[in-house]
Amino acid sequence: RSARDKSDRLIVHVHWGMPESSYPSPG
């Protein structure tokens, strides 16, 4: 929310997920 006003586009990278799984978790 803070960065939104300073950006035309906002990209968030997240390092996560069960290794070897092609299914994201509900979380």
mmCIF file of all heavy atoms, coordinates in Angstrom:
data_MODEL
# 
_entry.id   MODEL 
# 
loop_
_atom_site.group_PDB 
_atom_site.id 
_atom_site.type_symbol 
_atom_site.label_atom_id 
_atom_site.label_alt_id 
_atom_site.label_comp_id 
_atom_site.label_asym_id 
_atom_site.label_entity_id 
_atom_site.label_seq_id 
_atom_site.pdbx_PDB_ins_code 
_atom_site.Cartn_x 
_atom_site.Cartn_y 
_atom_site.Cartn_z 
_atom_site.occupancy 
_atom_site.B_iso_or_equiv 
_atom_site.pdbx_formal_charge 
_atom_site.auth_seq_id 
_atom_site.auth_comp_id 
_atom_site.auth_asym_id 
_atom_site.auth_atom_id 
_atom_site.pdbx_PDB_model_num 
ATOM 1   N N   . ARG A 1 1  ? 0.823  -1.208  0.000   1.00 0.00 ? 1  ARG A N   1 
ATOM 2   C CA  . ARG A 1 1  ? 0.000  0.000   0.000   1.00 0.00 ? 1  ARG A CA  1 
ATOM 3   C C   . ARG A 1 1  ? 0.859  1.261   0.000   1.00 0.00 ? 1  ARG A C   1 
ATOM 4   O O   . ARG A 1 1  ? 0.532  2.254   -0.665  1.00 0.00 ? 1  ARG A O   1 
ATOM 5   C CB  . ARG A 1 1  ? -0.918 -0.019  1.220   1.00 0.00 ? 1  ARG A CB  1 
ATOM 6   C CG  . ARG A 1 1  ? -2.035 -1.051  1.108   1.00 0.00 ? 1  ARG A CG  1 
ATOM 7   C CD  . ARG A 1 1  ? -2.795 -1.187  2.414   1.00 0.00 ? 1  ARG A CD  1 
ATOM 8   N NE  . ARG A 1 1  ? -3.906 -2.131  2.276   1.00 0.00 ? 1  ARG A NE  1 
ATOM 9   C CZ  . ARG A 1 1  ? -4.555 -2.669  3.302   1.00 0.00 ? 1  ARG A CZ  1 
ATOM 10  N NH1 . ARG A 1 1  ? -4.216 -2.333  4.545   1.00 0.00 ? 1  ARG A NH1 1 
ATOM 11  N NH2 . ARG A 1 1  ? -5.547 -3.519  3.087   1.00 0.00 ? 1  ARG A NH2 1 
ATOM 12  N N   . SER A 1 2  ? 1.981  1.214   0.723   1.00 0.00 ? 2  SER A N   1 
ATOM 13  C CA  . SER A 1 2  ? 2.875  2.369   0.776   1.00 0.00 ? 2  SER A CA  1 
ATOM 14  C C   . SER A 1 2  ? 3.559  2.612   -0.560  1.00 0.00 ? 2  SER A C   1 
ATOM 15  O O   . SER A 1 2  ? 3.728  3.759   -0.993  1.00 0.00 ? 2  SER A O   1 
ATOM 16  C CB  . SER A 1 2  ? 3.926  2.160   1.870   1.00 0.00 ? 2  SER A CB  1 
ATOM 17  O OG  . SER A 1 2  ? 4.856  3.202   1.897   1.00 0.00 ? 2  SER A OG  1 
ATOM 18  N N   . ALA A 1 3  ? 3.974  1.525   -1.229  1.00 0.00 ? 3  ALA A N   1 
ATOM 19  C CA  . ALA A 1 3  ? 4.701  1.654   -2.495  1.00 0.00 ? 3  ALA A CA  1 
ATOM 20  C C   . ALA A 1 3  ? 3.779  1.948   -3.668  1.00 0.00 ? 3  ALA A C   1 
ATOM 21  O O   . ALA A 1 3  ? 4.216  2.465   -4.700  1.00 0.00 ? 3  ALA A O   1 
ATOM 22  C CB  . ALA A 1 3  ? 5.498  0.376   -2.775  1.00 0.00 ? 3  ALA A CB  1 
ATOM 23  N N   . ARG A 1 4  ? 2.500  1.640   -3.516  1.00 0.00 ? 4  ARG A N   1 
ATOM 24  C CA  . ARG A 1 4  ? 1.554  1.777   -4.613  1.00 0.00 ? 4  ARG A CA  1 
ATOM 25  C C   . ARG A 1 4  ? 1.499  3.204   -5.163  1.00 0.00 ? 4  ARG A C   1 
ATOM 26  O O   . ARG A 1 4  ? 1.492  3.418   -6.381  1.00 0.00 ? 4  ARG A O   1 
ATOM 27  C CB  . ARG A 1 4  ? 0.171  1.345   -4.123  1.00 0.00 ? 4  ARG A CB  1 
ATOM 28  C CG  . ARG A 1 4  ? -0.976 1.490   -5.099  1.00 0.00 ? 4  ARG A CG  1 
ATOM 29  C CD  . ARG A 1 4  ? -0.908 0.474   -6.219  1.00 0.00 ? 4  ARG A CD  1 
ATOM 30  N NE  . ARG A 1 4  ? -0.132 0.927   -7.360  1.00 0.00 ? 4  ARG A NE  1 
ATOM 31  C CZ  . ARG A 1 4  ? 0.122  0.173   -8.422  1.00 0.00 ? 4  ARG A CZ  1 
ATOM 32  N NH1 . ARG A 1 4  ? -0.322 -1.065  -8.496  1.00 0.00 ? 4  ARG A NH1 1 
ATOM 33  N NH2 . ARG A 1 4  ? 0.821  0.644   -9.423  1.00 0.00 ? 4  ARG A NH2 1 
ATOM 34  N N   . ASP A 1 5  ? 1.502  4.185   -4.291  1.00 0.00 ? 5  ASP A N   1 
ATOM 35  C CA  . ASP A 1 5  ? 1.375  5.575   -4.731  1.00 0.00 ? 5  ASP A CA  1 
ATOM 36  C C   . ASP A 1 5  ? 2.632  6.095   -5.434  1.00 0.00 ? 5  ASP A C   1 
ATOM 37  O O   . ASP A 1 5  ? 2.567  7.123   -6.109  1.00 0.00 ? 5  ASP A O   1 
ATOM 38  C CB  . ASP A 1 5  ? 1.054  6.473   -3.532  1.00 0.00 ? 5  ASP A CB  1 
ATOM 39  C CG  . ASP A 1 5  ? -0.325 6.186   -2.949  1.00 0.00 ? 5  ASP A CG  1 
ATOM 40  O OD1 . ASP A 1 5  ? -1.160 5.642   -3.678  1.00 0.00 ? 5  ASP A OD1 1 
ATOM 41  O OD2 . ASP A 1 5  ? -0.539 6.498   -1.756  1.00 0.00 ? 5  ASP A OD2 1 
ATOM 42  N N   . LYS A 1 6  ? 3.751  5.400   -5.267  1.00 0.00 ? 6  LYS A N   1 
ATOM 43  C CA  . LYS A 1 6  ? 5.007  5.841   -5.866  1.00 0.00 ? 6  LYS A CA  1 
ATOM 44  C C   . LYS A 1 6  ? 5.309  5.108   -7.168  1.00 0.00 ? 6  LYS A C   1 
ATOM 45  O O   . LYS A 1 6  ? 6.364  5.341   -7.766  1.00 0.00 ? 6  LYS A O   1 
ATOM 46  C CB  . LYS A 1 6  ? 6.158  5.606   -4.882  1.00 0.00 ? 6  LYS A CB  1 
ATOM 47  C CG  . LYS A 1 6  ? 5.933  6.244   -3.516  1.00 0.00 ? 6  LYS A CG  1 
ATOM 48  C CD  . LYS A 1 6  ? 6.981  5.787   -2.521  1.00 0.00 ? 6  LYS A CD  1 
ATOM 49  C CE  . LYS A 1 6  ? 6.677  6.279   -1.111  1.00 0.00 ? 6  LYS A CE  1 
ATOM 50  N NZ  . LYS A 1 6  ? 7.646  5.772   -0.118  1.00 0.00 ? 6  LYS A NZ  1 
ATOM 51  N N   . SER A 1 7  ? 4.401  4.233   -7.598  1.00 0.00 ? 7  SER A N   1 
ATOM 52  C CA  . SER A 1 7  ? 4.700  3.345   -8.711  1.00 0.00 ? 7  SER A CA  1 
ATOM 53  C C   . SER A 1 7  ? 3.585  3.361   -9.746  1.00 0.00 ? 7  SER A C   1 
ATOM 54  O O   . SER A 1 7  ? 2.408  3.476   -9.404  1.00 0.00 ? 7  SER A O   1 
ATOM 55  C CB  . SER A 1 7  ? 4.875  1.904   -8.200  1.00 0.00 ? 7  SER A CB  1 
ATOM 56  O OG  . SER A 1 7  ? 5.705  1.851   -7.065  1.00 0.00 ? 7  SER A OG  1 
ATOM 57  N N   . ASP A 1 8  ? 3.985  3.222   -10.997 1.00 0.00 ? 8  ASP A N   1 
ATOM 58  C CA  . ASP A 1 8  ? 3.004  2.976   -12.043 1.00 0.00 ? 8  ASP A CA  1 
ATOM 59  C C   . ASP A 1 8  ? 2.626  1.499   -12.075 1.00 0.00 ? 8  ASP A C   1 
ATOM 60  O O   . ASP A 1 8  ? 1.481  1.143   -12.349 1.00 0.00 ? 8  ASP A O   1 
ATOM 61  C CB  . ASP A 1 8  ? 3.567  3.407   -13.398 1.00 0.00 ? 8  ASP A CB  1 
ATOM 62  C CG  . ASP A 1 8  ? 3.891  4.895   -13.432 1.00 0.00 ? 8  ASP A CG  1 
ATOM 63  O OD1 . ASP A 1 8  ? 2.998  5.691   -13.097 1.00 0.00 ? 8  ASP A OD1 1 
ATOM 64  O OD2 . ASP A 1 8  ? 5.024  5.252   -13.770 1.00 0.00 ? 8  ASP A OD2 1 
ATOM 65  N N   . ARG A 1 9  ? 3.597  0.644   -11.785 1.00 0.00 ? 9  ARG A N   1 
ATOM 66  C CA  . ARG A 1 9  ? 3.359  -0.793  -11.649 1.00 0.00 ? 9  ARG A CA  1 
ATOM 67  C C   . ARG A 1 9  ? 4.156  -1.309  -10.456 1.00 0.00 ? 9  ARG A C   1 
ATOM 68  O O   . ARG A 1 9  ? 5.273  -0.850  -10.195 1.00 0.00 ? 9  ARG A O   1 
ATOM 69  C CB  . ARG A 1 9  ? 3.770  -1.563  -12.907 1.00 0.00 ? 9  ARG A CB  1 
ATOM 70  C CG  . ARG A 1 9  ? 2.908  -1.281  -14.136 1.00 0.00 ? 9  ARG A CG  1 
ATOM 71  C CD  . ARG A 1 9  ? 1.471  -1.682  -13.937 1.00 0.00 ? 9  ARG A CD  1 
ATOM 72  N NE  . ARG A 1 9  ? 0.648  -1.452  -15.128 1.00 0.00 ? 9  ARG A NE  1 
ATOM 73  C CZ  . ARG A 1 9  ? -0.679 -1.425  -15.115 1.00 0.00 ? 9  ARG A CZ  1 
ATOM 74  N NH1 . ARG A 1 9  ? -1.344 -1.570  -13.957 1.00 0.00 ? 9  ARG A NH1 1 
ATOM 75  N NH2 . ARG A 1 9  ? -1.357 -1.220  -16.230 1.00 0.00 ? 9  ARG A NH2 1 
ATOM 76  N N   . LEU A 1 10 ? 3.576  -2.292  -9.747  1.00 0.00 ? 10 LEU A N   1 
ATOM 77  C CA  . LEU A 1 10 ? 4.201  -2.842  -8.549  1.00 0.00 ? 10 LEU A CA  1 
ATOM 78  C C   . LEU A 1 10 ? 4.278  -4.362  -8.672  1.00 0.00 ? 10 LEU A C   1 
ATOM 79  O O   . LEU A 1 10 ? 3.246  -5.032  -8.812  1.00 0.00 ? 10 LEU A O   1 
ATOM 80  C CB  . LEU A 1 10 ? 3.407  -2.442  -7.305  1.00 0.00 ? 10 LEU A CB  1 
ATOM 81  C CG  . LEU A 1 10 ? 3.834  -3.025  -5.965  1.00 0.00 ? 10 LEU A CG  1 
ATOM 82  C CD1 . LEU A 1 10 ? 5.289  -2.675  -5.661  1.00 0.00 ? 10 LEU A CD1 1 
ATOM 83  C CD2 . LEU A 1 10 ? 2.921  -2.520  -4.850  1.00 0.00 ? 10 LEU A CD2 1 
ATOM 84  N N   . ILE A 1 11 ? 5.505  -4.896  -8.631  1.00 0.00 ? 11 ILE A N   1 
ATOM 85  C CA  . ILE A 1 11 ? 5.743  -6.329  -8.769  1.00 0.00 ? 11 ILE A CA  1 
ATOM 86  C C   . ILE A 1 11 ? 6.288  -6.852  -7.441  1.00 0.00 ? 11 ILE A C   1 
ATOM 87  O O   . ILE A 1 11 ? 7.234  -6.293  -6.885  1.00 0.00 ? 11 ILE A O   1 
ATOM 88  C CB  . ILE A 1 11 ? 6.768  -6.627  -9.881  1.00 0.00 ? 11 ILE A CB  1 
ATOM 89  C CG1 . ILE A 1 11 ? 6.425  -5.868  -11.177 1.00 0.00 ? 11 ILE A CG1 1 
ATOM 90  C CG2 . ILE A 1 11 ? 6.871  -8.125  -10.120 1.00 0.00 ? 11 ILE A CG2 1 
ATOM 91  C CD1 . ILE A 1 11 ? 5.114  -6.234  -11.803 1.00 0.00 ? 11 ILE A CD1 1 
ATOM 92  N N   . VAL A 1 12 ? 5.691  -7.933  -6.946  1.00 0.00 ? 12 VAL A N   1 
ATOM 93  C CA  . VAL A 1 12 ? 6.153  -8.560  -5.698  1.00 0.00 ? 12 VAL A CA  1 
ATOM 94  C C   . VAL A 1 12 ? 6.637  -9.970  -5.994  1.00 0.00 ? 12 VAL A C   1 
ATOM 95  O O   . VAL A 1 12 ? 5.877  -10.805 -6.503  1.00 0.00 ? 12 VAL A O   1 
ATOM 96  C CB  . VAL A 1 12 ? 5.029  -8.601  -4.636  1.00 0.00 ? 12 VAL A CB  1 
ATOM 97  C CG1 . VAL A 1 12 ? 5.572  -9.217  -3.339  1.00 0.00 ? 12 VAL A CG1 1 
ATOM 98  C CG2 . VAL A 1 12 ? 4.471  -7.208  -4.375  1.00 0.00 ? 12 VAL A CG2 1 
ATOM 99  N N   . HIS A 1 13 ? 7.904  -10.228 -5.689  1.00 0.00 ? 13 HIS A N   1 
ATOM 100 C CA  . HIS A 1 13 ? 8.457  -11.585 -5.769  1.00 0.00 ? 13 HIS A CA  1 
ATOM 101 C C   . HIS A 1 13 ? 8.355  -12.233 -4.398  1.00 0.00 ? 13 HIS A C   1 
ATOM 102 O O   . HIS A 1 13 ? 8.651  -11.602 -3.379  1.00 0.00 ? 13 HIS A O   1 
ATOM 103 C CB  . HIS A 1 13 ? 9.929  -11.542 -6.192  1.00 0.00 ? 13 HIS A CB  1 
ATOM 104 C CG  . HIS A 1 13 ? 10.133 -11.559 -7.665  1.00 0.00 ? 13 HIS A CG  1 
ATOM 105 N ND1 . HIS A 1 13 ? 10.660 -12.645 -8.334  1.00 0.00 ? 13 HIS A ND1 1 
ATOM 106 C CD2 . HIS A 1 13 ? 9.884  -10.628 -8.610  1.00 0.00 ? 13 HIS A CD2 1 
ATOM 107 C CE1 . HIS A 1 13 ? 10.724 -12.372 -9.620  1.00 0.00 ? 13 HIS A CE1 1 
ATOM 108 N NE2 . HIS A 1 13 ? 10.266 -11.157 -9.819  1.00 0.00 ? 13 HIS A NE2 1 
ATOM 109 N N   . VAL A 1 14 ? 7.967  -13.503 -4.383  1.00 0.00 ? 14 VAL A N   1 
ATOM 110 C CA  . VAL A 1 14 ? 7.889  -14.254 -3.128  1.00 0.00 ? 14 VAL A CA  1 
ATOM 111 C C   . VAL A 1 14 ? 8.588  -15.593 -3.311  1.00 0.00 ? 14 VAL A C   1 
ATOM 112 O O   . VAL A 1 14 ? 8.259  -16.352 -4.225  1.00 0.00 ? 14 VAL A O   1 
ATOM 113 C CB  . VAL A 1 14 ? 6.434  -14.494 -2.682  1.00 0.00 ? 14 VAL A CB  1 
ATOM 114 C CG1 . VAL A 1 14 ? 6.421  -15.020 -1.247  1.00 0.00 ? 14 VAL A CG1 1 
ATOM 115 C CG2 . VAL A 1 14 ? 5.597  -13.233 -2.793  1.00 0.00 ? 14 VAL A CG2 1 
ATOM 116 N N   . HIS A 1 15 ? 9.551  -15.873 -2.431  1.00 0.00 ? 15 HIS A N   1 
ATOM 117 C CA  . HIS A 1 15 ? 10.256 -17.159 -2.464  1.00 0.00 ? 15 HIS A CA  1 
ATOM 118 C C   . HIS A 1 15 ? 9.541  -18.079 -1.487  1.00 0.00 ? 15 HIS A C   1 
ATOM 119 O O   . HIS A 1 15 ? 9.623  -17.900 -0.270  1.00 0.00 ? 15 HIS A O   1 
ATOM 120 C CB  . HIS A 1 15 ? 11.725 -16.943 -2.068  1.00 0.00 ? 15 HIS A CB  1 
ATOM 121 C CG  . HIS A 1 15 ? 12.652 -17.987 -2.620  1.00 0.00 ? 15 HIS A CG  1 
ATOM 122 N ND1 . HIS A 1 15 ? 12.894 -18.117 -3.967  1.00 0.00 ? 15 HIS A ND1 1 
ATOM 123 C CD2 . HIS A 1 15 ? 13.389 -18.950 -2.008  1.00 0.00 ? 15 HIS A CD2 1 
ATOM 124 C CE1 . HIS A 1 15 ? 13.755 -19.104 -4.165  1.00 0.00 ? 15 HIS A CE1 1 
ATOM 125 N NE2 . HIS A 1 15 ? 14.053 -19.632 -2.987  1.00 0.00 ? 15 HIS A NE2 1 
ATOM 126 N N   . TRP A 1 16 ? 8.814  -19.084 -2.015  1.00 0.00 ? 16 TRP A N   1 
ATOM 127 C CA  . TRP A 1 16 ? 7.947  -19.896 -1.175  1.00 0.00 ? 16 TRP A CA  1 
ATOM 128 C C   . TRP A 1 16 ? 7.571  -21.172 -1.905  1.00 0.00 ? 16 TRP A C   1 
ATOM 129 O O   . TRP A 1 16 ? 8.005  -21.415 -3.025  1.00 0.00 ? 16 TRP A O   1 
ATOM 130 C CB  . TRP A 1 16 ? 6.701  -19.115 -0.791  1.00 0.00 ? 16 TRP A CB  1 
ATOM 131 C CG  . TRP A 1 16 ? 5.794  -18.673 -1.924  1.00 0.00 ? 16 TRP A CG  1 
ATOM 132 C CD1 . TRP A 1 16 ? 5.945  -18.926 -3.275  1.00 0.00 ? 16 TRP A CD1 1 
ATOM 133 C CD2 . TRP A 1 16 ? 4.589  -17.917 -1.803  1.00 0.00 ? 16 TRP A CD2 1 
ATOM 134 N NE1 . TRP A 1 16 ? 4.921  -18.353 -3.993  1.00 0.00 ? 16 TRP A NE1 1 
ATOM 135 C CE2 . TRP A 1 16 ? 4.062  -17.738 -3.112  1.00 0.00 ? 16 TRP A CE2 1 
ATOM 136 C CE3 . TRP A 1 16 ? 3.890  -17.369 -0.723  1.00 0.00 ? 16 TRP A CE3 1 
ATOM 137 C CZ2 . TRP A 1 16 ? 2.889  -17.029 -3.356  1.00 0.00 ? 16 TRP A CZ2 1 
ATOM 138 C CZ3 . TRP A 1 16 ? 2.728  -16.666 -0.974  1.00 0.00 ? 16 TRP A CZ3 1 
ATOM 139 C CH2 . TRP A 1 16 ? 2.236  -16.500 -2.265  1.00 0.00 ? 16 TRP A CH2 1 
ATOM 140 N N   . GLY A 1 17 ? 6.754  -21.985 -1.270  1.00 0.00 ? 17 GLY A N   1 
ATOM 141 C CA  . GLY A 1 17 ? 6.182  -23.152 -1.936  1.00 0.00 ? 17 GLY A CA  1 
ATOM 142 C C   . GLY A 1 17 ? 6.849  -24.462 -1.565  1.00 0.00 ? 17 GLY A C   1 
ATOM 143 O O   . GLY A 1 17 ? 8.044  -24.513 -1.268  1.00 0.00 ? 17 GLY A O   1 
ATOM 144 N N   . MET A 1 18 ? 6.069  -25.537 -1.592  1.00 0.00 ? 18 MET A N   1 
ATOM 145 C CA  . MET A 1 18 ? 6.582  -26.871 -1.302  1.00 0.00 ? 18 MET A CA  1 
ATOM 146 C C   . MET A 1 18 ? 7.510  -27.328 -2.428  1.00 0.00 ? 18 MET A C   1 
ATOM 147 O O   . MET A 1 18 ? 7.118  -27.353 -3.595  1.00 0.00 ? 18 MET A O   1 
ATOM 148 C CB  . MET A 1 18 ? 5.408  -27.853 -1.182  1.00 0.00 ? 18 MET A CB  1 
ATOM 149 C CG  . MET A 1 18 ? 5.814  -29.306 -0.971  1.00 0.00 ? 18 MET A CG  1 
ATOM 150 S SD  . MET A 1 18 ? 6.600  -29.591 0.618   1.00 0.00 ? 18 MET A SD  1 
ATOM 151 C CE  . MET A 1 18 ? 5.178  -29.390 1.709   1.00 0.00 ? 18 MET A CE  1 
ATOM 152 N N   . PRO A 1 19 ? 8.767  -27.689 -2.113  1.00 0.00 ? 19 PRO A N   1 
ATOM 153 C CA  . PRO A 1 19 ? 9.678  -28.168 -3.160  1.00 0.00 ? 19 PRO A CA  1 
ATOM 154 C C   . PRO A 1 19 ? 9.108  -29.373 -3.907  1.00 0.00 ? 19 PRO A C   1 
ATOM 155 O O   . PRO A 1 19 ? 8.486  -30.258 -3.314  1.00 0.00 ? 19 PRO A O   1 
ATOM 156 C CB  . PRO A 1 19 ? 10.940 -28.547 -2.370  1.00 0.00 ? 19 PRO A CB  1 
ATOM 157 C CG  . PRO A 1 19 ? 10.889 -27.695 -1.145  1.00 0.00 ? 19 PRO A CG  1 
ATOM 158 C CD  . PRO A 1 19 ? 9.427  -27.584 -0.801  1.00 0.00 ? 19 PRO A CD  1 
ATOM 159 N N   . GLU A 1 20 ? 9.286  -29.380 -5.204  1.00 0.00 ? 20 GLU A N   1 
ATOM 160 C CA  . GLU A 1 20 ? 8.876  -30.457 -6.109  1.00 0.00 ? 20 GLU A CA  1 
ATOM 161 C C   . GLU A 1 20 ? 7.386  -30.425 -6.440  1.00 0.00 ? 20 GLU A C   1 
ATOM 162 O O   . GLU A 1 20 ? 6.923  -31.222 -7.255  1.00 0.00 ? 20 GLU A O   1 
ATOM 163 C CB  . GLU A 1 20 ? 9.241  -31.843 -5.555  1.00 0.00 ? 20 GLU A CB  1 
ATOM 164 C CG  . GLU A 1 20 ? 10.708 -32.022 -5.228  1.00 0.00 ? 20 GLU A CG  1 
ATOM 165 C CD  . GLU A 1 20 ? 11.597 -31.924 -6.469  1.00 0.00 ? 20 GLU A CD  1 
ATOM 166 O OE1 . GLU A 1 20 ? 11.469 -32.763 -7.373  1.00 0.00 ? 20 GLU A OE1 1 
ATOM 167 O OE2 . GLU A 1 20 ? 12.411 -30.993 -6.522  1.00 0.00 ? 20 GLU A OE2 1 
ATOM 168 N N   . SER A 1 21 ? 6.622  -29.541 -5.834  1.00 0.00 ? 21 SER A N   1 
ATOM 169 C CA  . SER A 1 21 ? 5.179  -29.534 -6.049  1.00 0.00 ? 21 SER A CA  1 
ATOM 170 C C   . SER A 1 21 ? 4.778  -28.562 -7.145  1.00 0.00 ? 21 SER A C   1 
ATOM 171 O O   . SER A 1 21 ? 5.228  -27.419 -7.166  1.00 0.00 ? 21 SER A O   1 
ATOM 172 C CB  . SER A 1 21 ? 4.442  -29.159 -4.755  1.00 0.00 ? 21 SER A CB  1 
ATOM 173 O OG  . SER A 1 21 ? 3.042  -29.092 -4.985  1.00 0.00 ? 21 SER A OG  1 
ATOM 174 N N   . SER A 1 22 ? 3.896  -29.016 -8.031  1.00 0.00 ? 22 SER A N   1 
ATOM 175 C CA  . SER A 1 22 ? 3.335  -28.134 -9.048  1.00 0.00 ? 22 SER A CA  1 
ATOM 176 C C   . SER A 1 22 ? 2.000  -27.546 -8.609  1.00 0.00 ? 22 SER A C   1 
ATOM 177 O O   . SER A 1 22 ? 1.317  -26.909 -9.404  1.00 0.00 ? 22 SER A O   1 
ATOM 178 C CB  . SER A 1 22 ? 3.164  -28.893 -10.371 1.00 0.00 ? 22 SER A CB  1 
ATOM 179 O OG  . SER A 1 22 ? 4.417  -29.099 -10.986 1.00 0.00 ? 22 SER A OG  1 
ATOM 180 N N   . TYR A 1 23 ? 1.634  -27.767 -7.350  1.00 0.00 ? 23 TYR A N   1 
ATOM 181 C CA  . TYR A 1 23 ? 0.396  -27.215 -6.808  1.00 0.00 ? 23 TYR A CA  1 
ATOM 182 C C   . TYR A 1 23 ? 0.709  -26.185 -5.719  1.00 0.00 ? 23 TYR A C   1 
ATOM 183 O O   . TYR A 1 23 ? 1.390  -26.518 -4.744  1.00 0.00 ? 23 TYR A O   1 
ATOM 184 C CB  . TYR A 1 23 ? -0.462 -28.319 -6.196  1.00 0.00 ? 23 TYR A CB  1 
ATOM 185 C CG  . TYR A 1 23 ? -1.059 -29.275 -7.192  1.00 0.00 ? 23 TYR A CG  1 
ATOM 186 C CD1 . TYR A 1 23 ? -0.401 -30.447 -7.529  1.00 0.00 ? 23 TYR A CD1 1 
ATOM 187 C CD2 . TYR A 1 23 ? -2.290 -29.014 -7.782  1.00 0.00 ? 23 TYR A CD2 1 
ATOM 188 C CE1 . TYR A 1 23 ? -0.947 -31.346 -8.440  1.00 0.00 ? 23 TYR A CE1 1 
ATOM 189 C CE2 . TYR A 1 23 ? -2.848 -29.902 -8.691  1.00 0.00 ? 23 TYR A CE2 1 
ATOM 190 C CZ  . TYR A 1 23 ? -2.170 -31.063 -9.014  1.00 0.00 ? 23 TYR A CZ  1 
ATOM 191 O OH  . TYR A 1 23 ? -2.711 -31.940 -9.917  1.00 0.00 ? 23 TYR A OH  1 
ATOM 192 N N   . PRO A 1 24 ? 0.228  -24.965 -5.841  1.00 0.00 ? 24 PRO A N   1 
ATOM 193 C CA  . PRO A 1 24 ? 0.378  -24.012 -4.738  1.00 0.00 ? 24 PRO A CA  1 
ATOM 194 C C   . PRO A 1 24 ? -0.498 -24.426 -3.569  1.00 0.00 ? 24 PRO A C   1 
ATOM 195 O O   . PRO A 1 24 ? -1.534 -25.074 -3.748  1.00 0.00 ? 24 PRO A O   1 
ATOM 196 C CB  . PRO A 1 24 ? -0.094 -22.683 -5.350  1.00 0.00 ? 24 PRO A CB  1 
ATOM 197 C CG  . PRO A 1 24 ? -1.057 -23.097 -6.416  1.00 0.00 ? 24 PRO A CG  1 
ATOM 198 C CD  . PRO A 1 24 ? -0.535 -24.391 -6.971  1.00 0.00 ? 24 PRO A CD  1 
ATOM 199 N N   . SER A 1 25 ? -0.084 -24.062 -2.366  1.00 0.00 ? 25 SER A N   1 
ATOM 200 C CA  . SER A 1 25 ? -0.895 -24.376 -1.196  1.00 0.00 ? 25 SER A CA  1 
ATOM 201 C C   . SER A 1 25 ? -2.039 -23.380 -1.078  1.00 0.00 ? 25 SER A C   1 
ATOM 202 O O   . SER A 1 25 ? -1.968 -22.256 -1.599  1.00 0.00 ? 25 SER A O   1 
ATOM 203 C CB  . SER A 1 25 ? -0.032 -24.313 0.067   1.00 0.00 ? 25 SER A CB  1 
ATOM 204 O OG  . SER A 1 25 ? 0.297  -22.958 0.365   1.00 0.00 ? 25 SER A OG  1 
ATOM 205 N N   . PRO A 1 26 ? -3.118 -23.746 -0.387  1.00 0.00 ? 26 PRO A N   1 
ATOM 206 C CA  . PRO A 1 26 ? -4.192 -22.781 -0.147  1.00 0.00 ? 26 PRO A CA  1 
ATOM 207 C C   . PRO A 1 26 ? -3.696 -21.512 0.539   1.00 0.00 ? 26 PRO A C   1 
ATOM 208 O O   . PRO A 1 26 ? -4.184 -20.418 0.250   1.00 0.00 ? 26 PRO A O   1 
ATOM 209 C CB  . PRO A 1 26 ? -5.171 -23.566 0.737   1.00 0.00 ? 26 PRO A CB  1 
ATOM 210 C CG  . PRO A 1 26 ? -4.965 -24.993 0.339   1.00 0.00 ? 26 PRO A CG  1 
ATOM 211 C CD  . PRO A 1 26 ? -3.483 -25.107 0.078   1.00 0.00 ? 26 PRO A CD  1 
ATOM 212 N N   . GLY A 1 27 ? -2.710 -21.658 1.433   1.00 0.00 ? 27 GLY A N   1 
ATOM 213 C CA  . GLY A 1 27 ? -2.151 -20.481 2.090   1.00 0.00 ? 27 GLY A CA  1 
ATOM 214 C C   . GLY A 1 27 ? -1.468 -19.542 1.117   1.00 0.00 ? 27 GLY A C   1 
ATOM 215 O O   . GLY A 1 27 ? -1.592 -18.317 1.225   1.00 0.00 ? 27 GLY A O   1 
# 
